PDB file of N, CA and C in Angstrom:
ATOM      1  N   MET A   1       1.344  25.462  -6.255  1.00  0.00           N
ATOM      2  CA  MET A   1       1.875  24.165  -5.884  1.00  0.00           C
ATOM      3  C   MET A   1       1.058  23.624  -4.724  1.00  0.00           C
ATOM      4  N   LYS A   2       0.665  22.369  -4.834  1.00  0.00           N
ATOM      5  CA  LYS A   2      -0.071  21.720  -3.747  1.00  0.00           C
ATOM      6  C   LYS A   2       0.879  20.760  -3.040  1.00  0.00           C
ATOM      7  N   ILE A   3       0.958  20.883  -1.729  1.00  0.00           N
ATOM      8  CA  ILE A   3       1.795  20.000  -0.914  1.00  0.00           C
ATOM      9  C   ILE A   3       0.887  19.284   0.072  1.00  0.00           C
ATOM     10  N   SER A   4       0.982  17.969   0.095  1.00  0.00           N
ATOM     11  CA  SER A   4       0.188  17.156   1.020  1.00  0.00           C
ATOM     12  C   SER A   4       1.109  16.541   2.064  1.00  0.00           C
ATOM     13  N   LYS A   5       0.897  16.916   3.313  1.00  0.00           N
ATOM     14  CA  LYS A   5       1.678  16.355   4.412  1.00  0.00           C
ATOM     15  C   LYS A   5       0.921  15.173   4.999  1.00  0.00           C
ATOM     16  N   VAL A   6       1.618  14.090   5.210  1.00  0.00           N
ATOM     17  CA  VAL A   6       0.984  12.888   5.754  1.00  0.00           C
ATOM     18  C   VAL A   6       0.276  13.215   7.074  1.00  0.00           C
ATOM     19  N   ALA A   7       0.953  13.913   7.963  1.00  0.00           N
ATOM     20  CA  ALA A   7       0.387  14.210   9.285  1.00  0.00           C
ATOM     21  C   ALA A   7      -0.884  15.058   9.214  1.00  0.00           C
ATOM     22  N   ASP A   8      -1.029  15.850   8.147  1.00  0.00           N
ATOM     23  CA  ASP A   8      -2.200  16.713   7.999  1.00  0.00           C
ATOM     24  C   ASP A   8      -3.319  16.075   7.186  1.00  0.00           C
ATOM     25  N   THR A   9      -3.096  14.879   6.667  1.00  0.00           N
ATOM     26  CA  THR A   9      -4.077  14.191   5.831  1.00  0.00           C
ATOM     27  C   THR A   9      -4.867  13.211   6.694  1.00  0.00           C
ATOM     28  N   PRO A  10      -6.197  13.264   6.637  1.00  0.00           N
ATOM     29  CA  PRO A  10      -6.985  12.349   7.476  1.00  0.00           C
ATOM     30  C   PRO A  10      -6.839  10.894   7.021  1.00  0.00           C
ATOM     31  N   THR A  11      -7.053   9.986   7.950  1.00  0.00           N
ATOM     32  CA  THR A  11      -7.014   8.568   7.590  1.00  0.00           C
ATOM     33  C   THR A  11      -8.233   8.235   6.739  1.00  0.00           C
ATOM     34  N   LYS A  12      -8.044   7.263   5.861  1.00  0.00           N
ATOM     35  CA  LYS A  12      -9.094   6.837   4.941  1.00  0.00           C
ATOM     36  C   LYS A  12      -9.643   5.504   5.435  1.00  0.00           C
ATOM     37  N   GLU A  13     -10.959   5.416   5.556  1.00  0.00           N
ATOM     38  CA  GLU A  13     -11.564   4.149   5.962  1.00  0.00           C
ATOM     39  C   GLU A  13     -11.217   3.090   4.924  1.00  0.00           C
ATOM     40  N   ASN A  14     -10.880   1.902   5.391  1.00  0.00           N
ATOM     41  CA  ASN A  14     -10.490   0.833   4.478  1.00  0.00           C
ATOM     42  C   ASN A  14     -10.814  -0.515   5.099  1.00  0.00           C
ATOM     43  N   PRO A  15     -10.987  -1.548   4.265  1.00  0.00           N
ATOM     44  CA  PRO A  15     -11.365  -2.865   4.790  1.00  0.00           C
ATOM     45  C   PRO A  15     -10.257  -3.558   5.572  1.00  0.00           C
ATOM     46  N   HIS A  16      -9.041  -3.019   5.524  1.00  0.00           N
ATOM     47  CA  HIS A  16      -7.915  -3.620   6.231  1.00  0.00           C
ATOM     48  C   HIS A  16      -7.775  -3.090   7.664  1.00  0.00           C
ATOM     49  N   ASN A  17      -8.488  -1.982   7.959  1.00  0.00           N
ATOM     50  CA  ASN A  17      -8.436  -1.347   9.282  1.00  0.00           C
ATOM     51  C   ASN A  17      -7.024  -0.966   9.695  1.00  0.00           C
ATOM     52  N   VAL A  18      -6.283  -0.360   8.747  1.00  0.00           N
ATOM     53  CA  VAL A  18      -4.937   0.140   9.016  1.00  0.00           C
ATOM     54  C   VAL A  18      -4.900   1.627   8.668  1.00  0.00           C
ATOM     55  N   ASP A  19      -3.834   2.288   9.058  1.00  0.00           N
ATOM     56  CA  ASP A  19      -3.664   3.725   8.825  1.00  0.00           C
ATOM     57  C   ASP A  19      -3.287   3.970   7.363  1.00  0.00           C
ATOM     58  N   VAL A  20      -4.266   4.435   6.582  1.00  0.00           N
ATOM     59  CA  VAL A  20      -4.057   4.758   5.166  1.00  0.00           C
ATOM     60  C   VAL A  20      -4.506   6.192   4.948  1.00  0.00           C
ATOM     61  N   ARG A  21      -3.680   6.967   4.237  1.00  0.00           N
ATOM     62  CA  ARG A  21      -3.996   8.372   3.967  1.00  0.00           C
ATOM     63  C   ARG A  21      -3.842   8.639   2.476  1.00  0.00           C
ATOM     64  N   LEU A  22      -4.905   9.138   1.863  1.00  0.00           N
ATOM     65  CA  LEU A  22      -4.924   9.423   0.426  1.00  0.00           C
ATOM     66  C   LEU A  22      -4.237  10.763   0.174  1.00  0.00           C
ATOM     67  N   LEU A  23      -3.046  10.719  -0.436  1.00  0.00           N
ATOM     68  CA  LEU A  23      -2.246  11.924  -0.660  1.00  0.00           C
ATOM     69  C   LEU A  23      -2.459  12.526  -2.045  1.00  0.00           C
ATOM     70  N   TYR A  24      -2.816  11.682  -3.010  1.00  0.00           N
ATOM     71  CA  TYR A  24      -2.944  12.126  -4.407  1.00  0.00           C
ATOM     72  C   TYR A  24      -4.073  11.328  -5.029  1.00  0.00           C
ATOM     73  N   ASN A  25      -4.992  12.029  -5.714  1.00  0.00           N
ATOM     74  CA  ASN A  25      -6.165  11.339  -6.255  1.00  0.00           C
ATOM     75  C   ASN A  25      -6.599  11.995  -7.560  1.00  0.00           C
ATOM     76  N   LYS A  26      -6.059  11.508  -8.656  1.00  0.00           N
ATOM     77  CA  LYS A  26      -6.399  11.999  -9.996  1.00  0.00           C
ATOM     78  C   LYS A  26      -6.831  10.805 -10.840  1.00  0.00           C
ATOM     79  N   ASP A  27      -7.422  11.069 -12.008  1.00  0.00           N
ATOM     80  CA  ASP A  27      -7.817   9.970 -12.893  1.00  0.00           C
ATOM     81  C   ASP A  27      -6.622   9.132 -13.330  1.00  0.00           C
ATOM     82  N   THR A  28      -5.458   9.750 -13.422  1.00  0.00           N
ATOM     83  CA  THR A  28      -4.263   9.069 -13.916  1.00  0.00           C
ATOM     84  C   THR A  28      -3.574   8.210 -12.866  1.00  0.00           C
ATOM     85  N   ALA A  29      -3.795   8.504 -11.578  1.00  0.00           N
ATOM     86  CA  ALA A  29      -3.127   7.735 -10.518  1.00  0.00           C
ATOM     87  C   ALA A  29      -3.662   8.113  -9.138  1.00  0.00           C
ATOM     88  N   GLN A  30      -3.380   7.238  -8.184  1.00  0.00           N
ATOM     89  CA  GLN A  30      -3.644   7.494  -6.770  1.00  0.00           C
ATOM     90  C   GLN A  30      -2.368   7.187  -6.006  1.00  0.00           C
ATOM     91  N   ALA A  31      -2.087   7.981  -4.975  1.00  0.00           N
ATOM     92  CA  ALA A  31      -0.955   7.712  -4.092  1.00  0.00           C
ATOM     93  C   ALA A  31      -1.475   7.737  -2.657  1.00  0.00           C
ATOM     94  N   LEU A  32      -1.153   6.673  -1.929  1.00  0.00           N
ATOM     95  CA  LEU A  32      -1.599   6.546  -0.550  1.00  0.00           C
ATOM     96  C   LEU A  32      -0.408   6.253   0.350  1.00  0.00           C
ATOM     97  N   HIS A  33      -0.419   6.837   1.532  1.00  0.00           N
ATOM     98  CA  HIS A  33       0.592   6.534   2.545  1.00  0.00           C
ATOM     99  C   HIS A  33      -0.027   5.535   3.493  1.00  0.00           C
ATOM    100  N   MET A  34       0.669   4.424   3.725  1.00  0.00           N
ATOM    101  CA  MET A  34       0.181   3.380   4.612  1.00  0.00           C
ATOM    102  C   MET A  34       1.182   3.168   5.740  1.00  0.00           C
ATOM    103  N   GLN A  35       0.664   3.097   6.946  1.00  0.00           N
ATOM    104  CA  GLN A  35       1.515   2.798   8.100  1.00  0.00           C
ATOM    105  C   GLN A  35       0.963   1.561   8.788  1.00  0.00           C
ATOM    106  N   LEU A  36       1.847   0.592   8.995  1.00  0.00           N
ATOM    107  CA  LEU A  36       1.472  -0.639   9.688  1.00  0.00           C
ATOM    108  C   LEU A  36       2.248  -0.737  10.996  1.00  0.00           C
ATOM    109  N   ALA A  37       1.520  -0.880  12.084  1.00  0.00           N
ATOM    110  CA  ALA A  37       2.149  -1.110  13.389  1.00  0.00           C
ATOM    111  C   ALA A  37       2.652  -2.553  13.425  1.00  0.00           C
ATOM    112  N   PRO A  38       3.540  -2.872  14.365  1.00  0.00           N
ATOM    113  CA  PRO A  38       3.994  -4.261  14.487  1.00  0.00           C
ATOM    114  C   PRO A  38       2.808  -5.219  14.594  1.00  0.00           C
ATOM    115  N   GLY A  39       2.854  -6.283  13.776  1.00  0.00           N
ATOM    116  CA  GLY A  39       1.790  -7.281  13.784  1.00  0.00           C
ATOM    117  C   GLY A  39       0.622  -6.988  12.859  1.00  0.00           C
ATOM    118  N   GLU A  40       0.517  -5.773  12.335  1.00  0.00           N
ATOM    119  CA  GLU A  40      -0.583  -5.447  11.423  1.00  0.00           C
ATOM    120  C   GLU A  40      -0.279  -5.931  10.011  1.00  0.00           C
ATOM    121  N   SER A  41      -1.354  -6.160   9.245  1.00  0.00           N
ATOM    122  CA  SER A  41      -1.191  -6.552   7.850  1.00  0.00           C
ATOM    123  C   SER A  41      -2.453  -6.193   7.074  1.00  0.00           C
ATOM    124  N   LEU A  42      -2.314  -6.226   5.760  1.00  0.00           N
ATOM    125  CA  LEU A  42      -3.472  -6.097   4.890  1.00  0.00           C
ATOM    126  C   LEU A  42      -4.091  -7.478   4.727  1.00  0.00           C
ATOM    127  N   LYS A  43      -5.310  -7.520   4.215  1.00  0.00           N
ATOM    128  CA  LYS A  43      -5.922  -8.780   3.816  1.00  0.00           C
ATOM    129  C   LYS A  43      -5.479  -9.042   2.378  1.00  0.00           C
ATOM    130  N   PRO A  44      -5.193 -10.275   2.008  1.00  0.00           N
ATOM    131  CA  PRO A  44      -4.842 -10.542   0.607  1.00  0.00           C
ATOM    132  C   PRO A  44      -5.959 -10.026  -0.305  1.00  0.00           C
ATOM    133  N   HIS A  45      -5.574  -9.386  -1.396  1.00  0.00           N
ATOM    134  CA  HIS A  45      -6.553  -8.793  -2.300  1.00  0.00           C
ATOM    135  C   HIS A  45      -5.965  -8.613  -3.696  1.00  0.00           C
ATOM    136  N   LYS A  46      -6.851  -8.288  -4.636  1.00  0.00           N
ATOM    137  CA  LYS A  46      -6.457  -7.981  -6.016  1.00  0.00           C
ATOM    138  C   LYS A  46      -6.986  -6.595  -6.345  1.00  0.00           C
ATOM    139  N   THR A  47      -6.220  -5.838  -7.109  1.00  0.00           N
ATOM    140  CA  THR A  47      -6.684  -4.538  -7.579  1.00  0.00           C
ATOM    141  C   THR A  47      -6.838  -4.584  -9.094  1.00  0.00           C
ATOM    142  N   PRO A  48      -7.779  -3.809  -9.633  1.00  0.00           N
ATOM    143  CA  PRO A  48      -8.036  -3.837 -11.074  1.00  0.00           C
ATOM    144  C   PRO A  48      -7.048  -2.998 -11.885  1.00  0.00           C
ATOM    145  N   VAL A  49      -6.027  -2.462 -11.223  1.00  0.00           N
ATOM    146  CA  VAL A  49      -5.016  -1.634 -11.903  1.00  0.00           C
ATOM    147  C   VAL A  49      -3.632  -2.016 -11.384  1.00  0.00           C
ATOM    148  N   ASP A  50      -2.587  -1.618 -12.110  1.00  0.00           N
ATOM    149  CA  ASP A  50      -1.222  -1.839 -11.640  1.00  0.00           C
ATOM    150  C   ASP A  50      -0.972  -1.034 -10.368  1.00  0.00           C
ATOM    151  N   VAL A  51      -0.156  -1.598  -9.483  1.00  0.00           N
ATOM    152  CA  VAL A  51       0.178  -0.966  -8.211  1.00  0.00           C
ATOM    153  C   VAL A  51       1.683  -1.109  -8.001  1.00  0.00           C
ATOM    154  N   PHE A  52       2.285  -0.084  -7.371  1.00  0.00           N
ATOM    155  CA  PHE A  52       3.633  -0.314  -6.860  1.00  0.00           C
ATOM    156  C   PHE A  52       3.716   0.179  -5.434  1.00  0.00           C
ATOM    157  N   PHE A  53       4.610  -0.468  -4.683  1.00  0.00           N
ATOM    158  CA  PHE A  53       4.822  -0.159  -3.278  1.00  0.00           C
ATOM    159  C   PHE A  53       6.242   0.355  -3.131  1.00  0.00           C
ATOM    160  N   PHE A  54       6.396   1.525  -2.531  1.00  0.00           N
ATOM    161  CA  PHE A  54       7.723   2.037  -2.211  1.00  0.00           C
ATOM    162  C   PHE A  54       7.850   2.025  -0.692  1.00  0.00           C
ATOM    163  N   VAL A  55       8.761   1.213  -0.188  1.00  0.00           N
ATOM    164  CA  VAL A  55       8.946   1.083   1.257  1.00  0.00           C
ATOM    165  C   VAL A  55       9.752   2.275   1.753  1.00  0.00           C
ATOM    166  N   ILE A  56       9.110   3.084   2.598  1.00  0.00           N
ATOM    167  CA  ILE A  56       9.732   4.289   3.154  1.00  0.00           C
ATOM    168  C   ILE A  56      10.507   3.953   4.420  1.00  0.00           C
ATOM    169  N   GLU A  57       9.903   3.114   5.251  1.00  0.00           N
ATOM    170  CA  GLU A  57      10.495   2.801   6.560  1.00  0.00           C
ATOM    171  C   GLU A  57      10.138   1.381   6.944  1.00  0.00           C
ATOM    172  N   GLY A  58      11.049   0.700   7.603  1.00  0.00           N
ATOM    173  CA  GLY A  58      10.797  -0.653   8.085  1.00  0.00           C
ATOM    174  C   GLY A  58      11.131  -1.714   7.058  1.00  0.00           C
ATOM    175  N   LYS A  59      10.749  -2.950   7.395  1.00  0.00           N
ATOM    176  CA  LYS A  59      11.029  -4.102   6.535  1.00  0.00           C
ATOM    177  C   LYS A  59       9.794  -5.002   6.469  1.00  0.00           C
ATOM    178  N   PRO A  60       8.812  -4.621   5.653  1.00  0.00           N
ATOM    179  CA  PRO A  60       7.610  -5.449   5.554  1.00  0.00           C
ATOM    180  C   PRO A  60       7.859  -6.716   4.730  1.00  0.00           C
ATOM    181  N   ASP A  61       7.027  -7.702   4.962  1.00  0.00           N
ATOM    182  CA  ASP A  61       6.956  -8.857   4.076  1.00  0.00           C
ATOM    183  C   ASP A  61       5.881  -8.515   3.051  1.00  0.00           C
ATOM    184  N   ILE A  62       6.219  -8.608   1.774  1.00  0.00           N
ATOM    185  CA  ILE A  62       5.277  -8.265   0.710  1.00  0.00           C
ATOM    186  C   ILE A  62       5.036  -9.494  -0.156  1.00  0.00           C
ATOM    187  N   LEU A  63       3.758  -9.802  -0.339  1.00  0.00           N
ATOM    188  CA  LEU A  63       3.329 -10.916  -1.170  1.00  0.00           C
ATOM    189  C   LEU A  63       2.817 -10.360  -2.495  1.00  0.00           C
ATOM    190  N   VAL A  64       3.343 -10.879  -3.597  1.00  0.00           N
ATOM    191  CA  VAL A  64       2.830 -10.582  -4.933  1.00  0.00           C
ATOM    192  C   VAL A  64       2.725 -11.923  -5.646  1.00  0.00           C
ATOM    193  N   GLY A  65       1.502 -12.305  -6.002  1.00  0.00           N
ATOM    194  CA  GLY A  65       1.294 -13.627  -6.585  1.00  0.00           C
ATOM    195  C   GLY A  65       1.573 -14.683  -5.541  1.00  0.00           C
ATOM    196  N   GLU A  66       2.496 -15.583  -5.829  1.00  0.00           N
ATOM    197  CA  GLU A  66       2.851 -16.644  -4.885  1.00  0.00           C
ATOM    198  C   GLU A  66       4.193 -16.391  -4.207  1.00  0.00           C
ATOM    199  N   GLU A  67       4.778 -15.217  -4.478  1.00  0.00           N
ATOM    200  CA  GLU A  67       6.099 -14.905  -3.930  1.00  0.00           C
ATOM    201  C   GLU A  67       5.978 -13.907  -2.777  1.00  0.00           C
ATOM    202  N   LYS A  68       6.536 -14.276  -1.624  1.00  0.00           N
ATOM    203  CA  LYS A  68       6.517 -13.416  -0.434  1.00  0.00           C
ATOM    204  C   LYS A  68       7.963 -13.143  -0.032  1.00  0.00           C
ATOM    205  N   VAL A  69       8.335 -11.851   0.055  1.00  0.00           N
ATOM    206  CA  VAL A  69       9.716 -11.461   0.318  1.00  0.00           C
ATOM    207  C   VAL A  69       9.747 -10.360   1.371  1.00  0.00           C
ATOM    208  N   ARG A  70      10.722 -10.394   2.266  1.00  0.00           N
ATOM    209  CA  ARG A  70      10.965  -9.287   3.187  1.00  0.00           C
ATOM    210  C   ARG A  70      11.695  -8.202   2.398  1.00  0.00           C
ATOM    211  N   VAL A  71      11.145  -6.990   2.409  1.00  0.00           N
ATOM    212  CA  VAL A  71      11.648  -5.897   1.580  1.00  0.00           C
ATOM    213  C   VAL A  71      12.216  -4.800   2.465  1.00  0.00           C
ATOM    214  N   GLU A  72      13.399  -4.317   2.116  1.00  0.00           N
ATOM    215  CA  GLU A  72      14.050  -3.257   2.886  1.00  0.00           C
ATOM    216  C   GLU A  72      13.564  -1.885   2.464  1.00  0.00           C
ATOM    217  N   ALA A  73      13.771  -0.896   3.336  1.00  0.00           N
ATOM    218  CA  ALA A  73      13.429   0.499   3.037  1.00  0.00           C
ATOM    219  C   ALA A  73      14.155   0.955   1.782  1.00  0.00           C
ATOM    220  N   ASN A  74      13.552   1.913   1.095  1.00  0.00           N
ATOM    221  CA  ASN A  74      14.075   2.481  -0.147  1.00  0.00           C
ATOM    222  C   ASN A  74      14.068   1.475  -1.288  1.00  0.00           C
ATOM    223  N   SER A  75      13.083   0.569  -1.258  1.00  0.00           N
ATOM    224  CA  SER A  75      12.897  -0.415  -2.317  1.00  0.00           C
ATOM    225  C   SER A  75      11.505  -0.257  -2.902  1.00  0.00           C
ATOM    226  N   LEU A  76      11.383  -0.538  -4.200  1.00  0.00           N
ATOM    227  CA  LEU A  76      10.106  -0.465  -4.905  1.00  0.00           C
ATOM    228  C   LEU A  76       9.713  -1.869  -5.347  1.00  0.00           C
ATOM    229  N   VAL A  77       8.448  -2.219  -5.110  1.00  0.00           N
ATOM    230  CA  VAL A  77       7.914  -3.524  -5.492  1.00  0.00           C
ATOM    231  C   VAL A  77       6.768  -3.305  -6.471  1.00  0.00           C
ATOM    232  N   ASP A  78       6.841  -3.967  -7.610  1.00  0.00           N
ATOM    233  CA  ASP A  78       5.824  -3.875  -8.657  1.00  0.00           C
ATOM    234  C   ASP A  78       4.786  -4.966  -8.456  1.00  0.00           C
ATOM    235  N   SER A  79       3.501  -4.605  -8.544  1.00  0.00           N
ATOM    236  CA  SER A  79       2.421  -5.575  -8.435  1.00  0.00           C
ATOM    237  C   SER A  79       1.446  -5.346  -9.577  1.00  0.00           C
ATOM    238  N   PRO A  80       1.489  -6.194 -10.610  1.00  0.00           N
ATOM    239  CA  PRO A  80       0.589  -6.030 -11.756  1.00  0.00           C
ATOM    240  C   PRO A  80      -0.881  -6.174 -11.362  1.00  0.00           C
ATOM    241  N   LYS A  81      -1.751  -5.607 -12.161  1.00  0.00           N
ATOM    242  CA  LYS A  81      -3.190  -5.678 -11.878  1.00  0.00           C
ATOM    243  C   LYS A  81      -3.671  -7.127 -11.863  1.00  0.00           C
ATOM    244  N   ASP A  82      -4.725  -7.348 -11.100  1.00  0.00           N
ATOM    245  CA  ASP A  82      -5.401  -8.644 -10.997  1.00  0.00           C
ATOM    246  C   ASP A  82      -4.523  -9.759 -10.443  1.00  0.00           C
ATOM    247  N   ILE A  83      -3.455  -9.404  -9.716  1.00  0.00           N
ATOM    248  CA  ILE A  83      -2.585 -10.387  -9.061  1.00  0.00           C
ATOM    249  C   ILE A  83      -2.769 -10.225  -7.544  1.00  0.00           C
ATOM    250  N   VAL A  84      -2.891 -11.319  -6.826  1.00  0.00           N
ATOM    251  CA  VAL A  84      -3.025 -11.254  -5.367  1.00  0.00           C
ATOM    252  C   VAL A  84      -1.786 -10.590  -4.778  1.00  0.00           C
ATOM    253  N   HIS A  85      -2.014  -9.637  -3.868  1.00  0.00           N
ATOM    254  CA  HIS A  85      -0.902  -9.021  -3.164  1.00  0.00           C
ATOM    255  C   HIS A  85      -1.322  -8.677  -1.736  1.00  0.00           C
ATOM    256  N   CYS A  86      -0.306  -8.484  -0.893  1.00  0.00           N
ATOM    257  CA  CYS A  86      -0.552  -8.218   0.518  1.00  0.00           C
ATOM    258  C   CYS A  86       0.726  -7.692   1.148  1.00  0.00           C
ATOM    259  N   ILE A  87       0.581  -6.897   2.197  1.00  0.00           N
ATOM    260  CA  ILE A  87       1.731  -6.384   2.944  1.00  0.00           C
ATOM    261  C   ILE A  87       1.545  -6.759   4.404  1.00  0.00           C
ATOM    262  N   TYR A  88       2.605  -7.310   5.008  1.00  0.00           N
ATOM    263  CA  TYR A  88       2.585  -7.761   6.396  1.00  0.00           C
ATOM    264  C   TYR A  88       3.703  -7.067   7.170  1.00  0.00           C
ATOM    265  N   ASN A  89       3.414  -6.656   8.385  1.00  0.00           N
ATOM    266  CA  ASN A  89       4.473  -6.162   9.257  1.00  0.00           C
ATOM    267  C   ASN A  89       4.708  -7.204  10.336  1.00  0.00           C
ATOM    268  N   ASN A  90       5.647  -8.092  10.072  1.00  0.00           N
ATOM    269  CA  ASN A  90       5.996  -9.151  11.014  1.00  0.00           C
ATOM    270  C   ASN A  90       7.220  -8.775  11.841  1.00  0.00           C
ATOM    271  N   THR A  91       7.427  -7.474  12.037  1.00  0.00           N
ATOM    272  CA  THR A  91       8.584  -6.993  12.798  1.00  0.00           C
ATOM    273  C   THR A  91       8.106  -6.260  14.045  1.00  0.00           C
ATOM    274  N   GLU A  92       9.044  -5.766  14.808  1.00  0.00           N
ATOM    275  CA  GLU A  92       8.738  -5.006  16.029  1.00  0.00           C
ATOM    276  C   GLU A  92       8.797  -3.498  15.782  1.00  0.00           C
ATOM    277  N   SER A  93       8.932  -3.085  14.525  1.00  0.00           N
ATOM    278  CA  SER A  93       9.056  -1.662  14.175  1.00  0.00           C
ATOM    279  C   SER A  93       7.913  -1.236  13.255  1.00  0.00           C
ATOM    280  N   ILE A  94       7.685   0.067  13.199  1.00  0.00           N
ATOM    281  CA  ILE A  94       6.690   0.636  12.285  1.00  0.00           C
ATOM    282  C   ILE A  94       7.129   0.381  10.843  1.00  0.00           C
ATOM    283  N   VAL A  95       6.167   0.150   9.977  1.00  0.00           N
ATOM    284  CA  VAL A  95       6.397   0.053   8.536  1.00  0.00           C
ATOM    285  C   VAL A  95       5.592   1.163   7.871  1.00  0.00           C
ATOM    286  N   ARG A  96       6.263   1.913   6.983  1.00  0.00           N
ATOM    287  CA  ARG A  96       5.573   2.952   6.203  1.00  0.00           C
ATOM    288  C   ARG A  96       5.831   2.678   4.724  1.00  0.00           C
ATOM    289  N   VAL A  97       4.740   2.708   3.927  1.00  0.00           N
ATOM    290  CA  VAL A  97       4.820   2.376   2.505  1.00  0.00           C
ATOM    291  C   VAL A  97       4.011   3.387   1.712  1.00  0.00           C
ATOM    292  N   LEU A  98       4.571   3.841   0.598  1.00  0.00           N
ATOM    293  CA  LEU A  98       3.832   4.653  -0.367  1.00  0.00           C
ATOM    294  C   LEU A  98       3.250   3.681  -1.381  1.00  0.00           C
ATOM    295  N   VAL A  99       1.926   3.701  -1.544  1.00  0.00           N
ATOM    296  CA  VAL A  99       1.224   2.819  -2.475  1.00  0.00           C
ATOM    297  C   VAL A  99       0.729   3.679  -3.631  1.00  0.00           C
ATOM    298  N   VAL A 100       1.110   3.328  -4.848  1.00  0.00           N
ATOM    299  CA  VAL A 100       0.685   4.080  -6.030  1.00  0.00           C
ATOM    300  C   VAL A 100      -0.081   3.151  -6.955  1.00  0.00           C
ATOM    301  N   LYS A 101      -1.298   3.585  -7.317  1.00  0.00           N
ATOM    302  CA  LYS A 101      -2.150   2.833  -8.240  1.00  0.00           C
ATOM    303  C   LYS A 101      -2.300   3.654  -9.513  1.00  0.00           C
ATOM    304  N   ALA A 102      -2.050   3.005 -10.655  1.00  0.00           N
ATOM    305  CA  ALA A 102      -2.147   3.735 -11.920  1.00  0.00           C
ATOM    306  C   ALA A 102      -2.767   2.841 -12.992  1.00  0.00           C
ATOM    307  N   PRO A 103      -3.807   3.360 -13.650  1.00  0.00           N
ATOM    308  CA  PRO A 103      -4.522   4.611 -13.341  1.00  0.00           C
ATOM    309  C   PRO A 103      -5.368   4.441 -12.079  1.00  0.00           C
ATOM    310  N   LYS A 104      -6.055   5.500 -11.688  1.00  0.00           N
ATOM    311  CA  LYS A 104      -6.958   5.429 -10.537  1.00  0.00           C
ATOM    312  C   LYS A 104      -7.966   4.320 -10.793  1.00  0.00           C
ATOM    313  N   PRO A 105      -8.196   3.437  -9.826  1.00  0.00           N
ATOM    314  CA  PRO A 105      -9.155   2.350 -10.047  1.00  0.00           C
ATOM    315  C   PRO A 105     -10.570   2.864 -10.266  1.00  0.00           C
ATOM    316  N   ALA A 106     -11.245   2.272 -11.262  1.00  0.00           N
ATOM    317  CA  ALA A 106     -12.633   2.619 -11.531  1.00  0.00           C
ATOM    318  C   ALA A 106     -13.588   1.655 -10.824  1.00  0.00           C
ATOM    319  N   SER A 107     -13.042   0.514 -10.358  1.00  0.00           N
ATOM    320  CA  SER A 107     -13.838  -0.448  -9.613  1.00  0.00           C
ATOM    321  C   SER A 107     -13.116  -0.784  -8.311  1.00  0.00           C
ATOM    322  N   LYS A 108     -13.819  -1.462  -7.435  1.00  0.00           N
ATOM    323  CA  LYS A 108     -13.274  -1.739  -6.097  1.00  0.00           C
ATOM    324  C   LYS A 108     -12.257  -2.869  -6.096  1.00  0.00           C
ATOM    325  N   THR A 109     -11.412  -2.824  -5.071  1.00  0.00           N
ATOM    326  CA  THR A 109     -10.470  -3.897  -4.807  1.00  0.00           C
ATOM    327  C   THR A 109     -11.249  -5.135  -4.411  1.00  0.00           C
ATOM    328  N   LYS A 110     -10.756  -6.307  -4.806  1.00  0.00           N
ATOM    329  CA  LYS A 110     -11.416  -7.562  -4.483  1.00  0.00           C
ATOM    330  C   LYS A 110     -10.653  -8.264  -3.361  1.00  0.00           C
ATOM    331  N   LEU A 111     -11.277  -8.303  -2.165  1.00  0.00           N
ATOM    332  CA  LEU A 111     -10.683  -9.021  -1.034  1.00  0.00           C
ATOM    333  C   LEU A 111     -10.845 -10.508  -1.239  1.00  0.00           C
ATOM    334  N   LEU A 112      -9.847 -11.259  -0.791  1.00  0.00           N
ATOM    335  CA  LEU A 112      -9.907 -12.723  -0.935  1.00  0.00           C
ATOM    336  C   LEU A 112     -10.128 -13.398   0.407  1.00  0.00           C
TER     337      LEU A 112
END
């Protein structure tokens, strides 16, 4: 059994300059832990595969397409491939999100 602890996983360099840690990386899917400090956000972007966000902690604002909603912890947000999406932490608390991409992207994310 392989167990990946967030605290023991190194941060992954990313164009958003936020704390992202790659926990699972197979051809069938990728799982990343993302932590956003107050005021941090991703840059709007599109991914070539389906993505879902599971909010572990905090209340981020999540944009999918043209809809932006404040999402509570223990909620899952679906983001289909090739749709603009973004996560914003417009609160005074830490936000932690599990990001799952399926299948693993074969090409890069497109920043807008």
